[in-house]
Amino acid sequence: MFRQYVYQAQIENRSEGVFEGSIELLQAGSVGVSKVIAPQSTYARTRRHISDSDDSVTLFIGRTQGLVIDQAGEQHEFRPGNGFLYYGAIPGLAASSAPISMWGIKVAADRLMTASARTAQPMSISAEQPAMKLITQYLHSFSTVAESSDADVRDAFGMHLSDLLMLIVGTDRDTLELIKGRGLKAARTDVVLRLIAREYASPNLSAERIGLTLGITARQVHRLLEETTKTFYEHLLERRLLEARRLLTDPSCGVLPVTEIAQRTGFVDRTHFNHTFRTRFGETPTDAREAAVRENARRFLGTSIR
């Protein structure tokens, strides 16, 4: 599968037993995204393999450690979050000392090089580089996008990844301005919203904390959200309140005290929770739960309970 979907190469299984691995693939517009899991092995792409004319460029990103890659004198050891820009038109060798997992973002070389201000060359990329942090966070959406039947969603996903990759490689001034106006800001905003949706239950979640994750300042986080018509706090509060309402009206959560539901959704103070919930939904948390109980009973019995 590696030969078919990533690059033609000579592969030697160095693990005990048969070679067992997997590749999940997503075609996002003109960008190919893959999640690779493989056993301890060596991979050699020689000049013979290069004759396949696959000169595309792939950003490999470590999800585990244990893989070392060598191309054109540039050696790189993968660790979670760091990456290596691999050129299909250049011979390369990779060897793993343990089972590995990594991401691959593959784009056509001519598309990348047309916009690049640098000569094509393999390069190691730190996990701390801001664009790499954005890519790593963005890849958390891989499964959701892969399951989507909306071509626009896939195209946007691929465009943002491609734009971020161009920023890593280095672009000319015109392309840089295009990316800043189109992809970088949109990708950063999207990642901020995804982080809020994922981390809302943490009572310590803040713009500062998200900024540290992405390598930007809290002020930049706030500015990114300006065009969404909601502030950081409003996005966070809305996510917490919606989840709290879901738990309060879920019959399977009926034994949970209201205070525990408040804590589970990031609220520290019960009074503040009650006030914001009533402001948002026009009823108290207890009222919402009782109304849900009556509605569920009515549906179950087929009659109104007053």
C-alpha atoms as a PDB file:
ATOM      1  CA  MET A   1       0.000   0.000   0.000  1.00  0.00           C
ATOM      2  CA  PHE A   2       2.902   2.353   0.731  1.00  0.00           C
ATOM      3  CA  ARG A   3       4.219   1.780  -2.792  1.00  0.00           C
ATOM      4  CA  GLN A   4       0.809   2.358  -4.313  1.00  0.00           C
ATOM      5  CA  TYR A   5      -0.373   5.390  -2.372  1.00  0.00           C
ATOM      6  CA  VAL A   6       2.724   7.159  -1.031  1.00  0.00           C
ATOM      7  CA  TYR A   7       5.898   6.461  -3.071  1.00  0.00           C
ATOM      8  CA  GLN A   8       7.386   3.598  -5.034  1.00  0.00           C
ATOM      9  CA  ALA A   9      10.171   2.188  -2.848  1.00  0.00           C
ATOM     10  CA  GLN A  10      12.001  -0.969  -1.821  1.00  0.00           C
ATOM     11  CA  ILE A  11      10.572  -2.021   1.543  1.00  0.00           C
ATOM     12  CA  GLU A  12      12.188  -4.514   3.905  1.00  0.00           C
ATOM     13  CA  ASN A  13      10.274  -5.828   6.891  1.00  0.00           C
ATOM     14  CA  ARG A  14      12.546  -5.814   9.954  1.00  0.00           C
ATOM     15  CA  SER A  15       9.911  -6.925  12.429  1.00  0.00           C
ATOM     16  CA  GLU A  16       9.183 -10.467  13.503  1.00  0.00           C
ATOM     17  CA  GLY A  17       6.334 -11.979  11.547  1.00  0.00           C
ATOM     18  CA  VAL A  18       4.471 -10.658   8.520  1.00  0.00           C
ATOM     19  CA  PHE A  19       4.401  -7.002   7.487  1.00  0.00           C
ATOM     20  CA  GLU A  20       1.229  -5.514   8.943  1.00  0.00           C
ATOM     21  CA  GLY A  21       0.397  -1.881   8.504  1.00  0.00           C
ATOM     22  CA  SER A  22      -2.346   0.458   7.354  1.00  0.00           C
ATOM     23  CA  ILE A  23      -2.826   3.645   5.361  1.00  0.00           C
ATOM     24  CA  GLU A  24      -5.871   5.889   5.635  1.00  0.00           C
ATOM     25  CA  LEU A  25      -6.232   8.187   2.658  1.00  0.00           C
ATOM     26  CA  LEU A  26      -8.058  11.427   1.991  1.00  0.00           C
ATOM     27  CA  GLN A  27      -8.039  13.324  -1.297  1.00  0.00           C
ATOM     28  CA  ALA A  28      -8.675  16.922  -0.315  1.00  0.00           C
ATOM     29  CA  GLY A  29      -8.842  18.830  -3.583  1.00  0.00           C
ATOM     30  CA  SER A  30      -5.358  18.668  -5.102  1.00  0.00           C
ATOM     31  CA  VAL A  31      -3.808  17.605  -1.794  1.00  0.00           C
ATOM     32  CA  GLY A  32      -3.405  14.007  -0.683  1.00  0.00           C
ATOM     33  CA  VAL A  33      -3.491  13.392   3.066  1.00  0.00           C
ATOM     34  CA  SER A  34      -2.531  10.048   4.583  1.00  0.00           C
ATOM     35  CA  LYS A  35      -2.220   8.490   8.033  1.00  0.00           C
ATOM     36  CA  VAL A  36       0.376   5.715   7.941  1.00  0.00           C
ATOM     37  CA  ILE A  37       0.956   2.955  10.485  1.00  0.00           C
ATOM     38  CA  ALA A  38       3.792   0.522   9.781  1.00  0.00           C
ATOM     39  CA  PRO A  39       5.996  -2.046  11.572  1.00  0.00           C
ATOM     40  CA  GLN A  40       9.753  -1.806  12.010  1.00  0.00           C
ATOM     41  CA  SER A  41      11.059  -1.563   8.427  1.00  0.00           C
ATOM     42  CA  THR A  42      13.454   0.085   5.992  1.00  0.00           C
ATOM     43  CA  TYR A  43      12.351   2.089   2.954  1.00  0.00           C
ATOM     44  CA  ALA A  44      14.650   2.876   0.048  1.00  0.00           C
ATOM     45  CA  ARG A  45      13.589   5.051  -2.889  1.00  0.00           C
ATOM     46  CA  THR A  46      16.369   4.681  -5.443  1.00  0.00           C
ATOM     47  CA  ARG A  47      16.989   6.205  -8.852  1.00  0.00           C
ATOM     48  CA  ARG A  48      15.204   3.197 -10.323  1.00  0.00           C
ATOM     49  CA  HIS A  49      12.069   4.083  -8.385  1.00  0.00           C
ATOM     50  CA  ILE A  50      12.349   7.738  -9.368  1.00  0.00           C
ATOM     51  CA  SER A  51      11.706   6.717 -12.956  1.00  0.00           C
ATOM     52  CA  ASP A  52       8.012   6.520 -11.987  1.00  0.00           C
ATOM     53  CA  SER A  53       7.984  10.325 -12.502  1.00  0.00           C
ATOM     54  CA  ASP A  54       6.338  10.932  -9.125  1.00  0.00           C
ATOM     55  CA  ASP A  55       8.125  14.156  -8.237  1.00  0.00           C
ATOM     56  CA  SER A  56       5.522  15.321  -5.729  1.00  0.00           C
ATOM     57  CA  VAL A  57       6.508  16.797  -2.381  1.00  0.00           C
ATOM     58  CA  THR A  58       5.308  15.281   0.892  1.00  0.00           C
ATOM     59  CA  LEU A  59       5.448  16.737   4.362  1.00  0.00           C
ATOM     60  CA  PHE A  60       5.770  13.758   6.689  1.00  0.00           C
ATOM     61  CA  ILE A  61       4.832  14.511  10.303  1.00  0.00           C
ATOM     62  CA  GLY A  62       5.693  12.217  13.172  1.00  0.00           C
ATOM     63  CA  ARG A  63       2.942  10.802  15.355  1.00  0.00           C
ATOM     64  CA  THR A  64       5.441   8.533  17.111  1.00  0.00           C
ATOM     65  CA  GLN A  65       9.225   8.358  17.306  1.00  0.00           C
ATOM     66  CA  GLY A  66      11.594   5.676  16.023  1.00  0.00           C
ATOM     67  CA  LEU A  67      11.901   6.610  12.331  1.00  0.00           C
ATOM     68  CA  VAL A  68      15.012   8.195  10.824  1.00  0.00           C
ATOM     69  CA  ILE A  69      14.981   9.512   7.257  1.00  0.00           C
ATOM     70  CA  ASP A  70      17.924  10.545   5.094  1.00  0.00           C
ATOM     71  CA  GLN A  71      17.602  12.442   1.813  1.00  0.00           C
ATOM     72  CA  ALA A  72      20.218  14.496  -0.035  1.00  0.00           C
ATOM     73  CA  GLY A  73      22.442  14.599   3.037  1.00  0.00           C
ATOM     74  CA  GLU A  74      19.659  15.874   5.298  1.00  0.00           C
ATOM     75  CA  GLN A  75      19.002  13.443   8.149  1.00  0.00           C
ATOM     76  CA  HIS A  76      15.939  13.706  10.339  1.00  0.00           C
ATOM     77  CA  GLU A  77      14.699  11.767  13.359  1.00  0.00           C
ATOM     78  CA  PHE A  78      10.944  11.844  13.754  1.00  0.00           C
ATOM     79  CA  ARG A  79       9.283  12.744  17.028  1.00  0.00           C
ATOM     80  CA  PRO A  80       5.634  13.589  17.632  1.00  0.00           C
ATOM     81  CA  GLY A  81       4.808  16.878  15.915  1.00  0.00           C
ATOM     82  CA  ASN A  82       8.024  17.466  13.971  1.00  0.00           C
ATOM     83  CA  GLY A  83       8.279  16.972  10.242  1.00  0.00           C
ATOM     84  CA  PHE A  84      10.396  16.369   7.182  1.00  0.00           C
ATOM     85  CA  LEU A  85       9.797  17.758   3.709  1.00  0.00           C
ATOM     86  CA  TYR A  86      10.445  14.889   1.305  1.00  0.00           C
ATOM     87  CA  TYR A  87      10.942  15.303  -2.455  1.00  0.00           C
ATOM     88  CA  GLY A  88       9.853  12.412  -4.643  1.00  0.00           C
ATOM     89  CA  ALA A  89      12.360  13.303  -7.354  1.00  0.00           C
ATOM     90  CA  ILE A  90      15.349  12.700  -5.031  1.00  0.00           C
ATOM     91  CA  PRO A  91      16.528   9.274  -3.760  1.00  0.00           C
ATOM     92  CA  GLY A  92      15.991   8.740  -0.049  1.00  0.00           C
ATOM     93  CA  LEU A  93      16.317   6.162   2.717  1.00  0.00           C
ATOM     94  CA  ALA A  94      14.299   5.671   5.901  1.00  0.00           C
ATOM     95  CA  ALA A  95      14.616   3.136   8.702  1.00  0.00           C
ATOM     96  CA  SER A  96      12.515   2.576  11.805  1.00  0.00           C
ATOM     97  CA  SER A  97      13.636   0.965  15.048  1.00  0.00           C
ATOM     98  CA  ALA A  98      10.062   0.353  16.198  1.00  0.00           C
ATOM     99  CA  PRO A  99       6.510   0.406  14.815  1.00  0.00           C
ATOM    100  CA  ILE A 100       5.710   3.898  13.549  1.00  0.00           C
ATOM    101  CA  SER A 101       2.799   6.175  12.830  1.00  0.00           C
ATOM    102  CA  MET A 102       2.939   9.388  10.807  1.00  0.00           C
ATOM    103  CA  TRP A 103       0.954  11.841   8.728  1.00  0.00           C
ATOM    104  CA  GLY A 104       1.686  12.612   5.088  1.00  0.00           C
ATOM    105  CA  ILE A 105       0.582  15.735   3.199  1.00  0.00           C
ATOM    106  CA  LYS A 106       1.351  15.321  -0.502  1.00  0.00           C
ATOM    107  CA  VAL A 107       1.205  18.085  -3.121  1.00  0.00           C
ATOM    108  CA  ALA A 108       2.372  18.408  -6.695  1.00  0.00           C
ATOM    109  CA  ALA A 109       5.935  19.703  -6.878  1.00  0.00           C
ATOM    110  CA  ASP A 110       5.174  22.270  -9.574  1.00  0.00           C
ATOM    111  CA  ARG A 111       2.380  23.811  -7.476  1.00  0.00           C
ATOM    112  CA  LEU A 112       4.631  24.163  -4.468  1.00  0.00           C
ATOM    113  CA  MET A 113       7.736  25.258  -6.317  1.00  0.00           C
ATOM    114  CA  THR A 114       5.945  27.850  -8.445  1.00  0.00           C
ATOM    115  CA  ALA A 115       5.092  29.737  -5.275  1.00  0.00           C
ATOM    116  CA  SER A 116       8.328  28.994  -3.429  1.00  0.00           C
ATOM    117  CA  ALA A 117      11.072  31.514  -2.916  1.00  0.00           C
ATOM    118  CA  ARG A 118      13.562  28.699  -2.273  1.00  0.00           C
ATOM    119  CA  THR A 119      15.304  26.015  -4.281  1.00  0.00           C
ATOM    120  CA  ALA A 120      13.712  22.592  -3.877  1.00  0.00           C
ATOM    121  CA  GLN A 121      15.473  20.762  -1.064  1.00  0.00           C
ATOM    122  CA  PRO A 122      14.601  18.349   1.736  1.00  0.00           C
ATOM    123  CA  MET A 123      14.343  19.973   5.136  1.00  0.00           C
ATOM    124  CA  SER A 124      13.612  19.174   8.771  1.00  0.00           C
ATOM    125  CA  ILE A 125      10.831  21.179  10.385  1.00  0.00           C
ATOM    126  CA  SER A 126      10.528  21.821  14.107  1.00  0.00           C
ATOM    127  CA  ALA A 127       7.306  20.998  15.924  1.00  0.00           C
ATOM    128  CA  GLU A 128       7.550  24.485  17.445  1.00  0.00           C
ATOM    129  CA  GLN A 129       7.243  26.307  14.115  1.00  0.00           C
ATOM    130  CA  PRO A 130       3.887  28.160  14.153  1.00  0.00           C
ATOM    131  CA  ALA A 131       2.729  26.786  10.791  1.00  0.00           C
ATOM    132  CA  MET A 132       3.588  23.245  11.934  1.00  0.00           C
ATOM    133  CA  LYS A 133       1.564  23.708  15.110  1.00  0.00           C
ATOM    134  CA  LEU A 134      -1.392  24.784  12.994  1.00  0.00           C
ATOM    135  CA  ILE A 135      -1.030  21.811  10.658  1.00  0.00           C
ATOM    136  CA  THR A 136      -0.812  19.362  13.551  1.00  0.00           C
ATOM    137  CA  GLN A 137      -3.947  20.794  15.143  1.00  0.00           C
ATOM    138  CA  TYR A 138      -5.727  20.914  11.794  1.00  0.00           C
ATOM    139  CA  LEU A 139      -5.046  17.213  11.187  1.00  0.00           C
ATOM    140  CA  HIS A 140      -7.238  16.358  14.167  1.00  0.00           C
ATOM    141  CA  SER A 141     -10.118  16.921  11.721  1.00  0.00           C
ATOM    142  CA  PHE A 142      -8.862  14.192   9.364  1.00  0.00           C
ATOM    143  CA  SER A 143     -11.543  11.616  10.240  1.00  0.00           C
ATOM    144  CA  THR A 144     -14.376  14.151  10.211  1.00  0.00           C
ATOM    145  CA  VAL A 145     -13.384  15.488   6.791  1.00  0.00           C
ATOM    146  CA  ALA A 146     -12.781  11.974   5.424  1.00  0.00           C
ATOM    147  CA  GLU A 147     -16.323  10.976   6.399  1.00  0.00           C
ATOM    148  CA  SER A 148     -17.835  14.095   4.833  1.00  0.00           C
ATOM    149  CA  SER A 149     -19.490  13.807   1.435  1.00  0.00           C
ATOM    150  CA  ASP A 150     -19.217  17.574   0.911  1.00  0.00           C
ATOM    151  CA  ALA A 151     -16.561  18.282  -1.724  1.00  0.00           C
ATOM    152  CA  ASP A 152     -16.303  21.911  -0.574  1.00  0.00           C
ATOM    153  CA  VAL A 153     -15.309  20.777   2.916  1.00  0.00           C
ATOM    154  CA  ARG A 154     -12.562  18.570   1.505  1.00  0.00           C
ATOM    155  CA  ASP A 155     -11.333  21.262  -0.872  1.00  0.00           C
ATOM    156  CA  ALA A 156     -11.115  23.834   1.937  1.00  0.00           C
ATOM    157  CA  PHE A 157      -9.270  21.350   4.152  1.00  0.00           C
ATOM    158  CA  GLY A 158      -6.730  20.682   1.410  1.00  0.00           C
ATOM    159  CA  MET A 159      -6.349  24.363   0.516  1.00  0.00           C
ATOM    160  CA  HIS A 160      -5.551  25.338   4.104  1.00  0.00           C
ATOM    161  CA  LEU A 161      -3.012  22.541   4.484  1.00  0.00           C
ATOM    162  CA  SER A 162      -1.405  23.502   1.175  1.00  0.00           C
ATOM    163  CA  ASP A 163      -1.199  27.165   2.165  1.00  0.00           C
ATOM    164  CA  LEU A 164       0.421  26.288   5.491  1.00  0.00           C
ATOM    165  CA  LEU A 165       2.883  24.032   3.692  1.00  0.00           C
ATOM    166  CA  MET A 166       3.812  26.910   1.374  1.00  0.00           C
ATOM    167  CA  LEU A 167       4.506  29.076   4.414  1.00  0.00           C
ATOM    168  CA  ILE A 168       6.879  26.419   5.732  1.00  0.00           C
ATOM    169  CA  VAL A 169       8.733  26.080   2.445  1.00  0.00           C
ATOM    170  CA  GLY A 170       8.908  29.835   1.910  1.00  0.00           C
ATOM    171  CA  THR A 171       6.964  31.733  -0.736  1.00  0.00           C
ATOM    172  CA  ASP A 172       7.416  34.759  -2.921  1.00  0.00           C
ATOM    173  CA  ARG A 173       5.846  38.044  -1.792  1.00  0.00           C
ATOM    174  CA  ASP A 174       2.729  37.815  -3.971  1.00  0.00           C
ATOM    175  CA  THR A 175       1.900  34.291  -2.844  1.00  0.00           C
ATOM    176  CA  LEU A 176       2.582  35.177   0.777  1.00  0.00           C
ATOM    177  CA  GLU A 177       0.065  38.014   0.629  1.00  0.00           C
ATOM    178  CA  LEU A 178      -2.494  35.701  -0.973  1.00  0.00           C
ATOM    179  CA  ILE A 179      -2.019  33.086   1.730  1.00  0.00           C
ATOM    180  CA  LYS A 180      -2.216  35.617   4.537  1.00  0.00           C
ATOM    181  CA  GLY A 181      -5.508  36.862   3.190  1.00  0.00           C
ATOM    182  CA  ARG A 182      -6.939  33.458   2.368  1.00  0.00           C
ATOM    183  CA  GLY A 183      -5.488  30.436   4.079  1.00  0.00           C
ATOM    184  CA  LEU A 184      -3.418  31.330   7.112  1.00  0.00           C
ATOM    185  CA  LYS A 185      -6.010  33.455   8.873  1.00  0.00           C
ATOM    186  CA  ALA A 186      -8.836  31.061   8.014  1.00  0.00           C
ATOM    187  CA  ALA A 187      -6.818  28.054   9.161  1.00  0.00           C
ATOM    188  CA  ARG A 188      -5.824  29.707  12.424  1.00  0.00           C
ATOM    189  CA  THR A 189      -9.388  30.791  13.143  1.00  0.00           C
ATOM    190  CA  ASP A 190     -10.665  27.311  12.400  1.00  0.00           C
ATOM    191  CA  VAL A 191      -8.100  25.723  14.705  1.00  0.00           C
ATOM    192  CA  VAL A 192      -8.929  28.154  17.528  1.00  0.00           C
ATOM    193  CA  LEU A 193     -12.622  27.219  17.251  1.00  0.00           C
ATOM    194  CA  ARG A 194     -11.779  23.521  17.161  1.00  0.00           C
ATOM    195  CA  LEU A 195      -9.626  23.847  20.269  1.00  0.00           C
ATOM    196  CA  ILE A 196     -12.478  25.606  22.081  1.00  0.00           C
ATOM    197  CA  ALA A 197     -14.836  22.793  21.069  1.00  0.00           C
ATOM    198  CA  ARG A 198     -12.356  20.184  22.287  1.00  0.00           C
ATOM    199  CA  GLU A 199     -11.087  21.807  25.490  1.00  0.00           C
ATOM    200  CA  TYR A 200     -14.194  23.697  26.693  1.00  0.00           C
ATOM    201  CA  ALA A 201     -14.556  21.502  29.809  1.00  0.00           C
ATOM    202  CA  SER A 202     -11.275  22.776  31.221  1.00  0.00           C
ATOM    203  CA  PRO A 203     -12.060  25.621  33.653  1.00  0.00           C
ATOM    204  CA  ASN A 204      -8.622  27.096  32.927  1.00  0.00           C
ATOM    205  CA  LEU A 205      -9.103  27.359  29.164  1.00  0.00           C
ATOM    206  CA  SER A 206      -8.154  30.841  27.995  1.00  0.00           C
ATOM    207  CA  ALA A 207      -6.998  32.764  24.936  1.00  0.00           C
ATOM    208  CA  GLU A 208      -3.516  32.743  26.452  1.00  0.00           C
ATOM    209  CA  ARG A 209      -3.504  28.957  26.724  1.00  0.00           C
ATOM    210  CA  ILE A 210      -4.716  28.447  23.157  1.00  0.00           C
ATOM    211  CA  GLY A 211      -2.176  30.997  21.966  1.00  0.00           C
ATOM    212  CA  LEU A 212       0.630  28.999  23.587  1.00  0.00           C
ATOM    213  CA  THR A 213      -0.595  25.863  21.811  1.00  0.00           C
ATOM    214  CA  LEU A 214      -0.485  27.601  18.430  1.00  0.00           C
ATOM    215  CA  GLY A 215       2.597  29.726  19.000  1.00  0.00           C
ATOM    216  CA  ILE A 216       0.714  33.042  18.853  1.00  0.00           C
ATOM    217  CA  THR A 217      -0.272  35.650  21.438  1.00  0.00           C
ATOM    218  CA  ALA A 218      -3.601  35.920  23.254  1.00  0.00           C
ATOM    219  CA  ARG A 219      -4.152  39.222  21.448  1.00  0.00           C
ATOM    220  CA  GLN A 220      -3.813  37.436  18.099  1.00  0.00           C
ATOM    221  CA  VAL A 221      -6.341  34.813  19.225  1.00  0.00           C
ATOM    222  CA  HIS A 222      -8.845  37.555  20.049  1.00  0.00           C
ATOM    223  CA  ARG A 223      -8.223  39.318  16.728  1.00  0.00           C
ATOM    224  CA  LEU A 224      -8.736  36.087  14.769  1.00  0.00           C
ATOM    225  CA  LEU A 225     -12.223  35.758  16.243  1.00  0.00           C
ATOM    226  CA  GLU A 226     -13.256  39.344  15.537  1.00  0.00           C
ATOM    227  CA  GLU A 227     -14.759  38.440  12.150  1.00  0.00           C
ATOM    228  CA  THR A 228     -16.854  35.611  13.650  1.00  0.00           C
ATOM    229  CA  THR A 229     -19.006  38.270  15.404  1.00  0.00           C
ATOM    230  CA  LYS A 230     -18.342  36.584  18.764  1.00  0.00           C
ATOM    231  CA  THR A 231     -15.550  37.066  21.260  1.00  0.00           C
ATOM    232  CA  PHE A 232     -13.404  34.252  22.606  1.00  0.00           C
ATOM    233  CA  TYR A 233     -15.421  34.225  25.822  1.00  0.00           C
ATOM    234  CA  GLU A 234     -18.733  34.125  23.926  1.00  0.00           C
ATOM    235  CA  HIS A 235     -17.608  31.140  21.829  1.00  0.00           C
ATOM    236  CA  LEU A 236     -16.405  29.321  24.949  1.00  0.00           C
ATOM    237  CA  LEU A 237     -19.533  30.104  26.978  1.00  0.00           C
ATOM    238  CA  GLU A 238     -21.845  29.006  24.150  1.00  0.00           C
ATOM    239  CA  ARG A 239     -20.034  25.679  23.795  1.00  0.00           C
ATOM    240  CA  ARG A 240     -20.217  25.056  27.546  1.00  0.00           C
ATOM    241  CA  LEU A 241     -23.905  25.975  27.792  1.00  0.00           C
ATOM    242  CA  LEU A 242     -24.931  23.816  24.836  1.00  0.00           C
ATOM    243  CA  GLU A 243     -23.137  20.809  26.295  1.00  0.00           C
ATOM    244  CA  ALA A 244     -24.637  21.462  29.730  1.00  0.00           C
ATOM    245  CA  ARG A 245     -28.129  21.581  28.217  1.00  0.00           C
ATOM    246  CA  ARG A 246     -27.471  18.343  26.338  1.00  0.00           C
ATOM    247  CA  LEU A 247     -26.467  16.569  29.555  1.00  0.00           C
ATOM    248  CA  LEU A 248     -29.395  18.010  31.523  1.00  0.00           C
ATOM    249  CA  THR A 249     -31.919  16.761  28.967  1.00  0.00           C
ATOM    250  CA  ASP A 250     -30.266  13.375  28.371  1.00  0.00           C
ATOM    251  CA  PRO A 251     -32.223  10.648  30.233  1.00  0.00           C
ATOM    252  CA  SER A 252     -29.048   8.624  30.733  1.00  0.00           C
ATOM    253  CA  CYS A 253     -27.560  11.531  32.726  1.00  0.00           C
ATOM    254  CA  GLY A 254     -30.570  11.932  34.997  1.00  0.00           C
ATOM    255  CA  VAL A 255     -28.682  10.758  38.081  1.00  0.00           C
ATOM    256  CA  LEU A 256     -25.996  13.426  37.692  1.00  0.00           C
ATOM    257  CA  PRO A 257     -26.432  16.369  40.075  1.00  0.00           C
ATOM    258  CA  VAL A 258     -26.710  19.760  38.396  1.00  0.00           C
ATOM    259  CA  THR A 259     -23.534  20.853  40.179  1.00  0.00           C
ATOM    260  CA  GLU A 260     -21.589  17.973  38.629  1.00  0.00           C
ATOM    261  CA  ILE A 261     -22.896  18.804  35.164  1.00  0.00           C
ATOM    262  CA  ALA A 262     -21.764  22.387  35.674  1.00  0.00           C
ATOM    263  CA  GLN A 263     -18.285  21.174  36.636  1.00  0.00           C
ATOM    264  CA  ARG A 264     -18.120  18.755  33.714  1.00  0.00           C
ATOM    265  CA  THR A 265     -18.761  21.596  31.287  1.00  0.00           C
ATOM    266  CA  GLY A 266     -16.142  23.973  32.678  1.00  0.00           C
ATOM    267  CA  PHE A 267     -18.162  26.028  35.169  1.00  0.00           C
ATOM    268  CA  VAL A 268     -16.559  26.566  38.557  1.00  0.00           C
ATOM    269  CA  ASP A 269     -19.329  28.572  40.219  1.00  0.00           C
ATOM    270  CA  ARG A 270     -22.886  27.165  40.425  1.00  0.00           C
ATOM    271  CA  THR A 271     -24.446  30.624  40.748  1.00  0.00           C
ATOM    272  CA  HIS A 272     -22.691  31.843  37.604  1.00  0.00           C
ATOM    273  CA  PHE A 273     -23.768  28.679  35.792  1.00  0.00           C
ATOM    274  CA  ASN A 274     -27.422  29.168  36.780  1.00  0.00           C
ATOM    275  CA  HIS A 275     -27.377  32.826  35.730  1.00  0.00           C
ATOM    276  CA  THR A 276     -25.753  32.319  32.334  1.00  0.00           C
ATOM    277  CA  PHE A 277     -27.924  29.269  31.598  1.00  0.00           C
ATOM    278  CA  ARG A 278     -31.118  31.176  32.355  1.00  0.00           C
ATOM    279  CA  THR A 279     -29.964  34.160  30.297  1.00  0.00           C
ATOM    280  CA  ARG A 280     -29.233  31.896  27.308  1.00  0.00           C
ATOM    281  CA  PHE A 281     -32.241  29.528  27.441  1.00  0.00           C
ATOM    282  CA  GLY A 282     -34.872  31.428  29.449  1.00  0.00           C
ATOM    283  CA  GLU A 283     -35.066  28.772  32.163  1.00  0.00           C
ATOM    284  CA  THR A 284     -32.932  27.457  35.008  1.00  0.00           C
ATOM    285  CA  PRO A 285     -30.914  24.226  34.662  1.00  0.00           C
ATOM    286  CA  THR A 286     -33.362  22.511  37.014  1.00  0.00           C
ATOM    287  CA  ASP A 287     -36.340  23.730  34.952  1.00  0.00           C
ATOM    288  CA  ALA A 288     -34.699  22.405  31.775  1.00  0.00           C
ATOM    289  CA  ARG A 289     -34.171  18.985  33.340  1.00  0.00           C
ATOM    290  CA  GLU A 290     -37.722  18.766  34.678  1.00  0.00           C
ATOM    291  CA  ALA A 291     -39.189  19.801  31.335  1.00  0.00           C
ATOM    292  CA  ALA A 292     -37.135  17.118  29.606  1.00  0.00           C
ATOM    293  CA  VAL A 293     -38.344  14.493  32.098  1.00  0.00           C
ATOM    294  CA  ARG A 294     -41.984  15.437  31.427  1.00  0.00           C
ATOM    295  CA  GLU A 295     -41.449  15.371  27.659  1.00  0.00           C
ATOM    296  CA  ASN A 296     -39.734  11.986  27.782  1.00  0.00           C
ATOM    297  CA  ALA A 297     -42.535  10.608  29.953  1.00  0.00           C
ATOM    298  CA  ARG A 298     -45.178  11.993  27.594  1.00  0.00           C
ATOM    299  CA  ARG A 299     -43.509  10.341  24.628  1.00  0.00           C
ATOM    300  CA  PHE A 300     -43.166   7.078  26.493  1.00  0.00           C
ATOM    301  CA  LEU A 301     -46.746   6.950  27.706  1.00  0.00           C
ATOM    302  CA  GLY A 302     -48.278   8.618  24.690  1.00  0.00           C
ATOM    303  CA  THR A 303     -50.272  11.001  26.890  1.00  0.00           C
ATOM    304  CA  SER A 304     -49.664  14.434  28.393  1.00  0.00           C
ATOM    305  CA  ILE A 305     -48.561  14.650  31.991  1.00  0.00           C
ATOM    306  CA  ARG A 306     -49.520  17.923  33.590  1.00  0.00           C
END
